């Protein structure tokens, strides 16, 4: 499974490189696109859940790195209040 990394800019201006064990993230995020904070979290939740499920189907266990990345995204997002936006800077 090809790993994918996506770089985001949080509402406070900090950038973060995030991890997905699958390219499925391309179905939910686009480079150069700004997302409302809540929408971004939902998109990441769905994408990383699908990615972890793909790993489980192939190897017999979930991807703990995808689960940890989602936890990190949710934790970071909880520090901001709406309205706030997250920008997906790149996907590679």
PDB file of N, CA and C in Angstrom:
ATOM      1  N   UNK A   1       0.829  -1.173   0.000  1.00  0.00           N
ATOM      2  CA  UNK A   1       0.000   0.000   0.000  1.00  0.00           C
ATOM      3  C   UNK A   1       0.880   1.246   0.000  1.00  0.00           C
ATOM      4  N   UNK A   2       0.647   2.124  -0.935  1.00  0.00           N
ATOM      5  CA  UNK A   2       1.473   3.336  -0.960  1.00  0.00           C
ATOM      6  C   UNK A   2       1.084   4.316   0.148  1.00  0.00           C
ATOM      7  N   UNK A   3       2.049   4.656   0.949  1.00  0.00           N
ATOM      8  CA  UNK A   3       1.828   5.653   1.998  1.00  0.00           C
ATOM      9  C   UNK A   3       1.592   7.010   1.347  1.00  0.00           C
ATOM     10  N   UNK A   4       0.810   7.826   2.010  1.00  0.00           N
ATOM     11  CA  UNK A   4       0.533   9.173   1.535  1.00  0.00           C
ATOM     12  C   UNK A   4       0.713  10.135   2.691  1.00  0.00           C
ATOM     13  N   UNK A   5       1.314  11.252   2.404  1.00  0.00           N
ATOM     14  CA  UNK A   5       1.462  12.303   3.414  1.00  0.00           C
ATOM     15  C   UNK A   5       0.742  13.539   2.894  1.00  0.00           C
ATOM     16  N   UNK A   6       0.051  14.214   3.789  1.00  0.00           N
ATOM     17  CA  UNK A   6      -0.620  15.447   3.405  1.00  0.00           C
ATOM     18  C   UNK A   6      -0.250  16.529   4.408  1.00  0.00           C
ATOM     19  N   UNK A   7       0.084  17.685   3.864  1.00  0.00           N
ATOM     20  CA  UNK A   7       0.512  18.807   4.686  1.00  0.00           C
ATOM     21  C   UNK A   7      -0.634  19.790   4.804  1.00  0.00           C
ATOM     22  N   UNK A   8      -0.910  20.198   6.039  1.00  0.00           N
ATOM     23  CA  UNK A   8      -2.012  21.124   6.289  1.00  0.00           C
ATOM     24  C   UNK A   8      -1.513  22.342   7.056  1.00  0.00           C
ATOM     25  N   UNK A   9      -2.238  23.442   6.885  1.00  0.00           N
ATOM     26  CA  UNK A   9      -2.000  24.633   7.685  1.00  0.00           C
ATOM     27  C   UNK A   9      -3.223  24.838   8.574  1.00  0.00           C
ATOM     28  N   UNK A  10      -2.976  24.821   9.868  1.00  0.00           N
ATOM     29  CA  UNK A  10      -4.034  24.976  10.860  1.00  0.00           C
ATOM     30  C   UNK A  10      -4.429  26.448  10.994  1.00  0.00           C
ATOM     31  N   UNK A  11      -5.564  26.725  11.628  1.00  0.00           N
ATOM     32  CA  UNK A  11      -6.021  28.111  11.770  1.00  0.00           C
ATOM     33  C   UNK A  11      -5.019  29.037  12.468  1.00  0.00           C
ATOM     34  N   UNK A  12      -4.131  28.487  13.275  1.00  0.00           N
ATOM     35  CA  UNK A  12      -3.137  29.319  13.955  1.00  0.00           C
ATOM     36  C   UNK A  12      -1.883  29.542  13.110  1.00  0.00           C
ATOM     37  N   UNK A  13      -1.885  29.045  11.875  1.00  0.00           N
ATOM     38  CA  UNK A  13      -0.764  29.241  10.972  1.00  0.00           C
ATOM     39  C   UNK A  13       0.282  28.143  11.007  1.00  0.00           C
ATOM     40  N   UNK A  14       0.203  27.252  11.974  1.00  0.00           N
ATOM     41  CA  UNK A  14       1.156  26.144  12.049  1.00  0.00           C
ATOM     42  C   UNK A  14       0.882  25.146  10.927  1.00  0.00           C
ATOM     43  N   UNK A  15       1.967  24.574  10.389  1.00  0.00           N
ATOM     44  CA  UNK A  15       1.807  23.530   9.394  1.00  0.00           C
ATOM     45  C   UNK A  15       2.150  22.189  10.028  1.00  0.00           C
ATOM     46  N   UNK A  16       1.522  21.152   9.495  1.00  0.00           N
ATOM     47  CA  UNK A  16       1.738  19.796  10.000  1.00  0.00           C
ATOM     48  C   UNK A  16       1.695  18.823   8.844  1.00  0.00           C
ATOM     49  N   UNK A  17       2.613  17.884   8.844  1.00  0.00           N
ATOM     50  CA  UNK A  17       2.607  16.805   7.863  1.00  0.00           C
ATOM     51  C   UNK A  17       1.884  15.625   8.497  1.00  0.00           C
ATOM     52  N   UNK A  18       0.828  15.169   7.843  1.00  0.00           N
ATOM     53  CA  UNK A  18       0.008  14.084   8.355  1.00  0.00           C
ATOM     54  C   UNK A  18       0.227  12.830   7.509  1.00  0.00           C
ATOM     55  N   UNK A  19      -0.088  11.685   8.092  1.00  0.00           N
ATOM     56  CA  UNK A  19       0.201  10.382   7.481  1.00  0.00           C
ATOM     57  C   UNK A  19      -1.074   9.600   7.194  1.00  0.00           C
ATOM     58  N   UNK A  20      -1.089   8.948   6.044  1.00  0.00           N
ATOM     59  CA  UNK A  20      -2.118   7.963   5.715  1.00  0.00           C
ATOM     60  C   UNK A  20      -1.412   6.753   5.106  1.00  0.00           C
ATOM     61  N   UNK A  21      -1.801   5.538   5.491  1.00  0.00           N
ATOM     62  CA  UNK A  21      -1.179   4.353   4.918  1.00  0.00           C
ATOM     63  C   UNK A  21      -1.684   4.029   3.507  1.00  0.00           C
ATOM     64  N   UNK A  22      -2.589   4.851   3.003  1.00  0.00           N
ATOM     65  CA  UNK A  22      -3.227   4.567   1.722  1.00  0.00           C
ATOM     66  C   UNK A  22      -3.451   5.860   0.950  1.00  0.00           C
ATOM     67  N   UNK A  23      -3.576   5.738  -0.343  1.00  0.00           N
ATOM     68  CA  UNK A  23      -3.865   6.898  -1.187  1.00  0.00           C
ATOM     69  C   UNK A  23      -5.333   7.324  -1.117  1.00  0.00           C
ATOM     70  N   UNK A  24      -6.132   6.637  -0.339  1.00  0.00           N
ATOM     71  CA  UNK A  24      -7.561   6.957  -0.237  1.00  0.00           C
ATOM     72  C   UNK A  24      -7.783   8.411   0.181  1.00  0.00           C
ATOM     73  N   UNK A  25      -6.808   9.008   0.826  1.00  0.00           N
ATOM     74  CA  UNK A  25      -6.936  10.401   1.257  1.00  0.00           C
ATOM     75  C   UNK A  25      -7.191  11.331   0.067  1.00  0.00           C
ATOM     76  N   UNK A  26      -6.727  10.944  -1.128  1.00  0.00           N
ATOM     77  CA  UNK A  26      -6.968  11.744  -2.331  1.00  0.00           C
ATOM     78  C   UNK A  26      -8.459  11.868  -2.648  1.00  0.00           C
ATOM     79  N   UNK A  27      -9.260  10.938  -2.179  1.00  0.00           N
ATOM     80  CA  UNK A  27     -10.705  10.985  -2.419  1.00  0.00           C
ATOM     81  C   UNK A  27     -11.394  12.014  -1.530  1.00  0.00           C
ATOM     82  N   UNK A  28     -10.719  12.461  -0.473  1.00  0.00           N
ATOM     83  CA  UNK A  28     -11.360  13.312   0.518  1.00  0.00           C
ATOM     84  C   UNK A  28     -10.728  14.689   0.678  1.00  0.00           C
ATOM     85  N   UNK A  29      -9.468  14.825   0.275  1.00  0.00           N
ATOM     86  CA  UNK A  29      -8.776  16.106   0.381  1.00  0.00           C
ATOM     87  C   UNK A  29      -8.109  16.434  -0.948  1.00  0.00           C
ATOM     88  N   UNK A  30      -7.999  17.723  -1.216  1.00  0.00           N
ATOM     89  CA  UNK A  30      -7.312  18.190  -2.422  1.00  0.00           C
ATOM     90  C   UNK A  30      -6.311  19.259  -2.036  1.00  0.00           C
ATOM     91  N   UNK A  31      -5.128  19.167  -2.617  1.00  0.00           N
ATOM     92  CA  UNK A  31      -4.099  20.168  -2.355  1.00  0.00           C
ATOM     93  C   UNK A  31      -4.578  21.541  -2.810  1.00  0.00           C
ATOM     94  N   UNK A  32      -4.277  22.545  -1.998  1.00  0.00           N
ATOM     95  CA  UNK A  32      -4.662  23.912  -2.322  1.00  0.00           C
ATOM     96  C   UNK A  32      -6.090  24.267  -1.951  1.00  0.00           C
ATOM     97  N   UNK A  33      -6.763  23.379  -1.263  1.00  0.00           N
ATOM     98  CA  UNK A  33      -8.161  23.606  -0.900  1.00  0.00           C
ATOM     99  C   UNK A  33      -8.277  23.964   0.574  1.00  0.00           C
ATOM    100  N   UNK A  34      -9.147  24.922   0.860  1.00  0.00           N
ATOM    101  CA  UNK A  34      -9.436  25.340   2.229  1.00  0.00           C
ATOM    102  C   UNK A  34     -10.724  24.674   2.672  1.00  0.00           C
ATOM    103  N   UNK A  35     -10.700  24.096   3.878  1.00  0.00           N
ATOM    104  CA  UNK A  35     -11.861  23.398   4.421  1.00  0.00           C
ATOM    105  C   UNK A  35     -12.270  24.029   5.742  1.00  0.00           C
ATOM    106  N   UNK A  36     -13.564  24.174   5.971  1.00  0.00           N
ATOM    107  CA  UNK A  36     -13.989  24.543   7.319  1.00  0.00           C
ATOM    108  C   UNK A  36     -13.489  23.474   8.299  1.00  0.00           C
ATOM    109  N   UNK A  37     -13.097  23.882   9.468  1.00  0.00           N
ATOM    110  CA  UNK A  37     -12.474  22.986  10.444  1.00  0.00           C
ATOM    111  C   UNK A  37     -13.273  21.701  10.651  1.00  0.00           C
ATOM    112  N   UNK A  38     -14.563  21.825  10.912  1.00  0.00           N
ATOM    113  CA  UNK A  38     -15.381  20.636  11.175  1.00  0.00           C
ATOM    114  C   UNK A  38     -15.423  19.699   9.969  1.00  0.00           C
ATOM    115  N   UNK A  39     -15.529  20.270   8.773  1.00  0.00           N
ATOM    116  CA  UNK A  39     -15.548  19.472   7.554  1.00  0.00           C
ATOM    117  C   UNK A  39     -14.212  18.755   7.372  1.00  0.00           C
ATOM    118  N   UNK A  40     -13.111  19.456   7.634  1.00  0.00           N
ATOM    119  CA  UNK A  40     -11.791  18.846   7.523  1.00  0.00           C
ATOM    120  C   UNK A  40     -11.673  17.637   8.442  1.00  0.00           C
ATOM    121  N   UNK A  41     -12.114  17.763   9.679  1.00  0.00           N
ATOM    122  CA  UNK A  41     -12.018  16.655  10.635  1.00  0.00           C
ATOM    123  C   UNK A  41     -12.856  15.471  10.162  1.00  0.00           C
ATOM    124  N   UNK A  42     -14.055  15.729   9.681  1.00  0.00           N
ATOM    125  CA  UNK A  42     -14.910  14.643   9.182  1.00  0.00           C
ATOM    126  C   UNK A  42     -14.261  13.947   7.990  1.00  0.00           C
ATOM    127  N   UNK A  43     -13.721  14.716   7.061  1.00  0.00           N
ATOM    128  CA  UNK A  43     -13.059  14.144   5.890  1.00  0.00           C
ATOM    129  C   UNK A  43     -11.873  13.273   6.306  1.00  0.00           C
ATOM    130  N   UNK A  44     -11.086  13.764   7.255  1.00  0.00           N
ATOM    131  CA  UNK A  44      -9.937  12.989   7.737  1.00  0.00           C
ATOM    132  C   UNK A  44     -10.392  11.727   8.455  1.00  0.00           C
ATOM    133  N   UNK A  45     -11.445  11.832   9.236  1.00  0.00           N
ATOM    134  CA  UNK A  45     -11.961  10.672   9.961  1.00  0.00           C
ATOM    135  C   UNK A  45     -12.369   9.576   8.976  1.00  0.00           C
ATOM    136  N   UNK A  46     -13.113   9.952   7.963  1.00  0.00           N
ATOM    137  CA  UNK A  46     -13.561   8.968   6.976  1.00  0.00           C
ATOM    138  C   UNK A  46     -12.371   8.400   6.202  1.00  0.00           C
ATOM    139  N   UNK A  47     -11.480   9.271   5.737  1.00  0.00           N
ATOM    140  CA  UNK A  47     -10.329   8.828   4.937  1.00  0.00           C
ATOM    141  C   UNK A  47      -9.418   7.903   5.736  1.00  0.00           C
ATOM    142  N   UNK A  48      -9.090   8.273   6.963  1.00  0.00           N
ATOM    143  CA  UNK A  48      -8.166   7.460   7.749  1.00  0.00           C
ATOM    144  C   UNK A  48      -8.816   6.165   8.226  1.00  0.00           C
ATOM    145  N   UNK A  49     -10.116   6.182   8.437  1.00  0.00           N
ATOM    146  CA  UNK A  49     -10.823   4.949   8.771  1.00  0.00           C
ATOM    147  C   UNK A  49     -10.789   3.992   7.571  1.00  0.00           C
ATOM    148  N   UNK A  50     -11.063   4.521   6.384  1.00  0.00           N
ATOM    149  CA  UNK A  50     -10.991   3.684   5.175  1.00  0.00           C
ATOM    150  C   UNK A  50      -9.579   3.156   4.961  1.00  0.00           C
ATOM    151  N   UNK A  51      -8.587   4.005   5.173  1.00  0.00           N
ATOM    152  CA  UNK A  51      -7.197   3.583   4.996  1.00  0.00           C
ATOM    153  C   UNK A  51      -6.848   2.457   5.963  1.00  0.00           C
ATOM    154  N   UNK A  52      -7.247   2.611   7.209  1.00  0.00           N
ATOM    155  CA  UNK A  52      -6.960   1.587   8.209  1.00  0.00           C
ATOM    156  C   UNK A  52      -7.694   0.285   7.889  1.00  0.00           C
ATOM    157  N   UNK A  53      -8.908   0.399   7.373  1.00  0.00           N
ATOM    158  CA  UNK A  53      -9.672  -0.775   6.979  1.00  0.00           C
ATOM    159  C   UNK A  53      -9.008  -1.497   5.810  1.00  0.00           C
ATOM    160  N   UNK A  54      -8.444  -0.737   4.886  1.00  0.00           N
ATOM    161  CA  UNK A  54      -7.722  -1.353   3.762  1.00  0.00           C
ATOM    162  C   UNK A  54      -6.506  -2.138   4.258  1.00  0.00           C
ATOM    163  N   UNK A  55      -5.804  -1.561   5.221  1.00  0.00           N
ATOM    164  CA  UNK A  55      -4.655  -2.256   5.801  1.00  0.00           C
ATOM    165  C   UNK A  55      -5.120  -3.548   6.469  1.00  0.00           C
ATOM    166  N   UNK A  56      -6.211  -3.454   7.206  1.00  0.00           N
ATOM    167  CA  UNK A  56      -6.738  -4.633   7.900  1.00  0.00           C
ATOM    168  C   UNK A  56      -7.137  -5.730   6.911  1.00  0.00           C
ATOM    169  N   UNK A  57      -7.755  -5.337   5.803  1.00  0.00           N
ATOM    170  CA  UNK A  57      -8.164  -6.315   4.802  1.00  0.00           C
ATOM    171  C   UNK A  57      -6.950  -7.013   4.177  1.00  0.00           C
ATOM    172  N   UNK A  58      -5.876  -6.263   4.015  1.00  0.00           N
ATOM    173  CA  UNK A  58      -4.691  -6.828   3.369  1.00  0.00           C
ATOM    174  C   UNK A  58      -3.792  -7.597   4.334  1.00  0.00           C
ATOM    175  N   UNK A  59      -3.624  -7.074   5.564  1.00  0.00           N
ATOM    176  CA  UNK A  59      -2.647  -7.653   6.487  1.00  0.00           C
ATOM    177  C   UNK A  59      -3.245  -8.311   7.726  1.00  0.00           C
ATOM    178  N   UNK A  60      -4.545  -8.092   7.945  1.00  0.00           N
ATOM    179  CA  UNK A  60      -5.193  -8.730   9.086  1.00  0.00           C
ATOM    180  C   UNK A  60      -5.181  -7.908  10.371  1.00  0.00           C
ATOM    181  N   UNK A  61      -4.706  -6.670  10.303  1.00  0.00           N
ATOM    182  CA  UNK A  61      -4.708  -5.797  11.487  1.00  0.00           C
ATOM    183  C   UNK A  61      -4.840  -4.350  11.016  1.00  0.00           C
ATOM    184  N   UNK A  62      -5.429  -3.536  11.886  1.00  0.00           N
ATOM    185  CA  UNK A  62      -5.608  -2.123  11.579  1.00  0.00           C
ATOM    186  C   UNK A  62      -4.267  -1.394  11.600  1.00  0.00           C
ATOM    187  N   UNK A  63      -4.232  -0.264  10.957  1.00  0.00           N
ATOM    188  CA  UNK A  63      -3.022   0.563  10.956  1.00  0.00           C
ATOM    189  C   UNK A  63      -3.067   1.479  12.168  1.00  0.00           C
ATOM    190  N   UNK A  64      -2.247   1.183  13.143  1.00  0.00           N
ATOM    191  CA  UNK A  64      -2.230   2.002  14.357  1.00  0.00           C
ATOM    192  C   UNK A  64      -1.711   3.411  14.071  1.00  0.00           C
ATOM    193  N   UNK A  65      -0.887   3.570  13.052  1.00  0.00           N
ATOM    194  CA  UNK A  65      -0.402   4.910  12.699  1.00  0.00           C
ATOM    195  C   UNK A  65      -1.538   5.782  12.157  1.00  0.00           C
ATOM    196  N   UNK A  66      -2.435   5.201  11.385  1.00  0.00           N
ATOM    197  CA  UNK A  66      -3.592   5.950  10.884  1.00  0.00           C
ATOM    198  C   UNK A  66      -4.505   6.332  12.041  1.00  0.00           C
ATOM    199  N   UNK A  67      -4.714   5.399  12.958  1.00  0.00           N
ATOM    200  CA  UNK A  67      -5.547   5.686  14.126  1.00  0.00           C
ATOM    201  C   UNK A  67      -4.917   6.789  14.985  1.00  0.00           C
ATOM    202  N   UNK A  68      -3.609   6.736  15.149  1.00  0.00           N
ATOM    203  CA  UNK A  68      -2.905   7.752  15.933  1.00  0.00           C
ATOM    204  C   UNK A  68      -2.958   9.108  15.235  1.00  0.00           C
ATOM    205  N   UNK A  69      -2.855   9.103  13.910  1.00  0.00           N
ATOM    206  CA  UNK A  69      -2.922  10.365  13.164  1.00  0.00           C
ATOM    207  C   UNK A  69      -4.289  10.999  13.324  1.00  0.00           C
ATOM    208  N   UNK A  70      -5.340  10.200  13.259  1.00  0.00           N
ATOM    209  CA  UNK A  70      -6.683  10.738  13.451  1.00  0.00           C
ATOM    210  C   UNK A  70      -6.832  11.328  14.847  1.00  0.00           C
ATOM    211  N   UNK A  71      -6.333  10.645  15.842  1.00  0.00           N
ATOM    212  CA  UNK A  71      -6.384  11.165  17.214  1.00  0.00           C
ATOM    213  C   UNK A  71      -5.675  12.507  17.292  1.00  0.00           C
ATOM    214  N   UNK A  72      -4.525  12.622  16.646  1.00  0.00           N
ATOM    215  CA  UNK A  72      -3.766  13.871  16.648  1.00  0.00           C
ATOM    216  C   UNK A  72      -4.543  14.994  15.955  1.00  0.00           C
ATOM    217  N   UNK A  73      -5.164  14.685  14.829  1.00  0.00           N
ATOM    218  CA  UNK A  73      -5.956  15.686  14.107  1.00  0.00           C
ATOM    219  C   UNK A  73      -7.129  16.148  14.961  1.00  0.00           C
ATOM    220  N   UNK A  74      -7.831  15.215  15.576  1.00  0.00           N
ATOM    221  CA  UNK A  74      -8.976  15.573  16.416  1.00  0.00           C
ATOM    222  C   UNK A  74      -8.539  16.399  17.621  1.00  0.00           C
ATOM    223  N   UNK A  75      -7.420  16.047  18.208  1.00  0.00           N
ATOM    224  CA  UNK A  75      -6.904  16.795  19.370  1.00  0.00           C
ATOM    225  C   UNK A  75      -6.543  18.224  18.959  1.00  0.00           C
ATOM    226  N   UNK A  76      -5.832  18.358  17.854  1.00  0.00           N
ATOM    227  CA  UNK A  76      -5.419  19.677  17.376  1.00  0.00           C
ATOM    228  C   UNK A  76      -6.649  20.515  17.030  1.00  0.00           C
ATOM    229  N   UNK A  77      -7.612  19.916  16.345  1.00  0.00           N
ATOM    230  CA  UNK A  77      -8.810  20.641  15.933  1.00  0.00           C
ATOM    231  C   UNK A  77      -9.620  21.128  17.129  1.00  0.00           C
ATOM    232  N   UNK A  78      -9.597  20.377  18.212  1.00  0.00           N
ATOM    233  CA  UNK A  78     -10.383  20.758  19.394  1.00  0.00           C
ATOM    234  C   UNK A  78      -9.866  22.036  20.055  1.00  0.00           C
ATOM    235  N   UNK A  79      -8.672  22.472  19.692  1.00  0.00           N
ATOM    236  CA  UNK A  79      -8.100  23.689  20.268  1.00  0.00           C
ATOM    237  C   UNK A  79      -8.656  24.957  19.621  1.00  0.00           C
ATOM    238  N   UNK A  80      -9.383  24.803  18.517  1.00  0.00           N
ATOM    239  CA  UNK A  80      -9.897  25.956  17.778  1.00  0.00           C
ATOM    240  C   UNK A  80     -11.413  26.024  17.897  1.00  0.00           C
ATOM    241  N   UNK A  81     -11.947  27.228  17.733  1.00  0.00           N
ATOM    242  CA  UNK A  81     -13.394  27.400  17.732  1.00  0.00           C
ATOM    243  C   UNK A  81     -13.836  27.824  16.334  1.00  0.00           C
ATOM    244  N   UNK A  82     -15.007  27.377  15.973  1.00  0.00           N
ATOM    245  CA  UNK A  82     -15.557  27.726  14.658  1.00  0.00           C
ATOM    246  C   UNK A  82     -16.012  29.183  14.690  1.00  0.00           C
ATOM    247  N   UNK A  83     -15.972  29.904  13.613  1.00  0.00           N
ATOM    248  CA  UNK A  83     -15.497  29.430  12.321  1.00  0.00           C
ATOM    249  C   UNK A  83     -13.973  29.469  12.238  1.00  0.00           C
ATOM    250  N   UNK A  84     -13.415  28.446  11.686  1.00  0.00           N
ATOM    251  CA  UNK A  84     -11.976  28.343  11.454  1.00  0.00           C
ATOM    252  C   UNK A  84     -11.769  27.452  10.244  1.00  0.00           C
ATOM    253  N   UNK A  85     -10.684  27.675   9.550  1.00  0.00           N
ATOM    254  CA  UNK A  85     -10.408  26.918   8.324  1.00  0.00           C
ATOM    255  C   UNK A  85      -9.054  26.213   8.414  1.00  0.00           C
ATOM    256  N   UNK A  86      -8.965  25.096   7.717  1.00  0.00           N
ATOM    257  CA  UNK A  86      -7.733  24.343   7.555  1.00  0.00           C
ATOM    258  C   UNK A  86      -7.448  24.273   6.062  1.00  0.00           C
ATOM    259  N   UNK A  87      -6.198  24.527   5.687  1.00  0.00           N
ATOM    260  CA  UNK A  87      -5.817  24.472   4.285  1.00  0.00           C
ATOM    261  C   UNK A  87      -4.977  23.224   4.053  1.00  0.00           C
ATOM    262  N   UNK A  88      -5.342  22.437   3.067  1.00  0.00           N
ATOM    263  CA  UNK A  88      -4.522  21.312   2.650  1.00  0.00           C
ATOM    264  C   UNK A  88      -3.512  21.873   1.649  1.00  0.00           C
ATOM    265  N   UNK A  89      -2.271  21.934   2.055  1.00  0.00           N
ATOM    266  CA  UNK A  89      -1.238  22.541   1.223  1.00  0.00           C
ATOM    267  C   UNK A  89      -0.730  21.601   0.138  1.00  0.00           C
ATOM    268  N   UNK A  90      -0.568  20.335   0.485  1.00  0.00           N
ATOM    269  CA  UNK A  90      -0.046  19.372  -0.494  1.00  0.00           C
ATOM    270  C   UNK A  90      -0.396  17.958  -0.073  1.00  0.00           C
ATOM    271  N   UNK A  91      -0.371  17.068  -1.066  1.00  0.00           N
ATOM    272  CA  UNK A  91      -0.563  15.642  -0.841  1.00  0.00           C
ATOM    273  C   UNK A  91       0.490  14.938  -1.673  1.00  0.00           C
ATOM    274  N   UNK A  92       1.260  14.069  -1.028  1.00  0.00           N
ATOM    275  CA  UNK A  92       2.292  13.356  -1.784  1.00  0.00           C
ATOM    276  C   UNK A  92       2.400  11.924  -1.317  1.00  0.00           C
TER     277      UNK A  92
END
